[in-house]
Amino acid sequence: MPVYDYECEACGEIFERIAGLDEDFAVCPRCHNPDAKRIISLRRKTYNEVDPPWLKEVVEIVDPDGGPHCKEFIKNPTRENWRKWMKEEKIRPLEPGEERRKKPEIDRDAVVRQLLDRHRKRTRIEIWTK
């Protein structure tokens, strides 16, 4: 059942109530007047229009000196500004079914050998003879 707004003409209270389509009157919670009339109200936001809680976490990683798109997203963190920020930063969300790439495993022995070879080249002593 939808939620409707009602206004009590006796005390001026405006309140919400879950009601059927044919219920034009309701009981006022303040003065208990049974003739509170249903009024026309603005459309409520649907779940898709409400900004998700993770959006505030994204704002924390945005560079405030990153340009006008970053400043706009920090000032007004909405889905629309998030999409603009992603586009300007050349970031894209994962597609459905797409998984994050796993980082390749590092061959630690090869890294140690490479570091030792570089160290030997830097610290070697060369003797020149004629």
Protein backbone atom coordinates (compact mmCIF):
# COMPACT_ATOMS: atom_id res chain seq x y z
CA MET A 1 0.00 0.00 0.00
CA PRO A 2 1.29 3.51 -0.75
CA VAL A 3 2.10 6.23 1.76
CA TYR A 4 -0.01 9.39 1.55
CA ASP A 5 0.21 12.80 3.20
CA TYR A 6 -2.75 14.09 5.19
CA GLU A 7 -3.48 17.54 6.63
CA CYS A 8 -5.72 18.16 9.62
CA GLU A 9 -7.82 21.29 9.13
CA ALA A 10 -8.50 21.55 12.86
CA CYS A 11 -4.89 21.76 14.14
CA GLY A 12 -2.84 22.15 10.92
CA GLU A 13 -0.82 18.93 11.47
CA ILE A 14 0.60 17.34 8.31
CA PHE A 15 1.39 13.63 8.66
CA GLU A 16 2.00 10.51 6.61
CA ARG A 17 -0.07 7.35 6.67
CA ILE A 18 -0.13 4.08 4.75
CA ALA A 19 -3.56 3.95 3.15
CA GLY A 20 -5.57 2.48 0.34
CA LEU A 21 -6.39 4.37 -2.83
CA ASP A 22 -9.93 5.12 -1.70
CA GLU A 23 -9.08 6.50 1.77
CA ASP A 24 -9.44 10.27 1.44
CA PHE A 25 -9.70 10.96 5.19
CA ALA A 26 -7.69 9.80 8.22
CA VAL A 27 -7.54 10.36 11.98
CA CYS A 28 -5.12 13.11 13.04
CA PRO A 29 -2.46 11.78 15.46
CA ARG A 30 -2.27 15.13 17.32
CA CYS A 31 -5.90 16.16 17.92
CA HIS A 32 -7.65 12.91 16.88
CA ASN A 33 -9.86 14.72 14.38
CA PRO A 34 -11.29 12.00 12.07
CA ASP A 35 -11.57 14.40 9.12
CA ALA A 36 -7.90 14.98 8.21
CA LYS A 37 -7.91 15.28 4.44
CA ARG A 38 -5.49 13.63 2.03
CA ILE A 39 -3.36 16.23 0.24
CA ILE A 40 -1.31 16.17 -2.93
CA SER A 41 2.33 15.70 -2.07
CA LEU A 42 5.59 15.54 -3.96
CA ARG A 43 6.65 12.18 -5.31
CA ARG A 44 8.99 10.35 -2.99
CA LYS A 45 12.38 9.12 -4.09
CA THR A 46 12.56 5.52 -5.14
CA TYR A 47 15.36 3.24 -4.00
CA ASN A 48 17.30 3.82 -7.23
CA GLU A 49 17.23 7.59 -6.75
CA VAL A 50 18.54 7.53 -3.18
CA ASP A 51 22.30 7.93 -3.01
CA PRO A 52 23.95 4.79 -1.65
CA PRO A 53 26.07 4.89 1.53
CA TRP A 54 29.22 3.77 -0.33
CA LEU A 55 29.20 7.05 -2.25
CA LYS A 56 30.47 8.89 0.84
CA GLU A 57 33.39 6.43 1.06
CA VAL A 58 34.34 7.20 -2.54
CA VAL A 59 34.45 10.92 -1.73
CA GLU A 60 37.23 10.21 0.81
CA ILE A 61 39.62 8.99 -1.94
CA VAL A 62 38.96 11.81 -4.42
CA ASP A 63 41.83 14.26 -4.85
CA PRO A 64 40.51 17.72 -3.86
CA ASP A 65 43.07 19.36 -6.17
CA GLY A 66 42.20 17.06 -9.08
CA GLY A 67 40.21 19.51 -11.14
CA PRO A 68 36.69 20.88 -11.40
CA HIS A 69 35.10 17.42 -11.74
CA CYS A 70 36.72 16.33 -8.45
CA LYS A 71 35.65 19.49 -6.63
CA GLU A 72 32.08 19.13 -7.90
CA PHE A 73 31.92 15.50 -6.79
CA ILE A 74 33.28 16.34 -3.32
CA LYS A 75 30.84 19.25 -2.96
CA ASN A 76 27.82 17.29 -4.23
CA PRO A 77 28.35 13.50 -4.04
CA THR A 78 25.53 12.15 -6.21
CA ARG A 79 25.45 9.19 -8.59
CA GLU A 80 25.47 11.57 -11.55
CA ASN A 81 28.59 13.41 -10.32
CA TRP A 82 30.20 10.06 -9.49
CA ARG A 83 29.69 8.94 -13.09
CA LYS A 84 31.19 12.22 -14.38
CA TRP A 85 34.16 11.83 -12.03
CA MET A 86 34.73 8.23 -13.18
CA LYS A 87 34.60 9.32 -16.83
CA GLU A 88 37.06 12.20 -16.31
CA GLU A 89 39.45 9.96 -14.34
CA LYS A 90 39.16 7.28 -17.05
CA ILE A 91 37.92 4.73 -14.53
CA ARG A 92 35.13 2.32 -15.29
CA PRO A 93 33.11 0.08 -13.01
CA LEU A 94 33.31 -3.66 -13.43
CA GLU A 95 30.87 -5.10 -15.93
CA PRO A 96 28.40 -7.76 -14.76
CA GLY A 97 30.22 -11.08 -14.64
CA GLU A 98 33.64 -9.42 -14.82
CA GLU A 99 36.00 -10.21 -11.97
CA ARG A 100 38.88 -8.24 -10.62
CA ARG A 101 42.17 -9.31 -12.07
CA LYS A 102 44.41 -11.07 -9.65
CA LYS A 103 47.83 -9.59 -9.28
CA PRO A 104 50.50 -11.90 -10.66
CA GLU A 105 52.51 -13.65 -8.00
CA ILE A 106 55.97 -12.21 -7.52
CA ASP A 107 58.93 -14.54 -7.94
CA ARG A 108 60.84 -13.43 -4.86
CA ASP A 109 63.99 -15.38 -5.77
CA ALA A 110 64.19 -13.61 -9.14
CA VAL A 111 63.75 -10.21 -7.44
CA VAL A 112 66.52 -10.98 -4.93
CA ARG A 113 68.87 -12.11 -7.75
CA GLN A 114 68.11 -8.96 -9.74
CA LEU A 115 68.76 -6.72 -6.72
CA LEU A 116 72.05 -8.46 -5.94
CA ASP A 117 73.20 -8.14 -9.58
CA ARG A 118 72.42 -4.42 -9.57
CA HIS A 119 74.23 -3.99 -6.26
CA ARG A 120 77.33 -5.79 -7.60
CA LYS A 121 77.38 -3.60 -10.71
CA ARG A 122 77.09 -0.41 -8.66
CA THR A 123 79.75 -1.30 -6.10
CA ARG A 124 82.30 -3.12 -8.24
CA ILE A 125 85.87 -1.97 -8.38
CA GLU A 126 87.59 -2.00 -11.74
CA ILE A 127 91.33 -2.15 -12.09
CA TRP A 128 92.82 -0.95 -15.33
CA THR A 129 96.21 -2.11 -16.44
CA LYS A 130 98.22 -1.11 -19.48
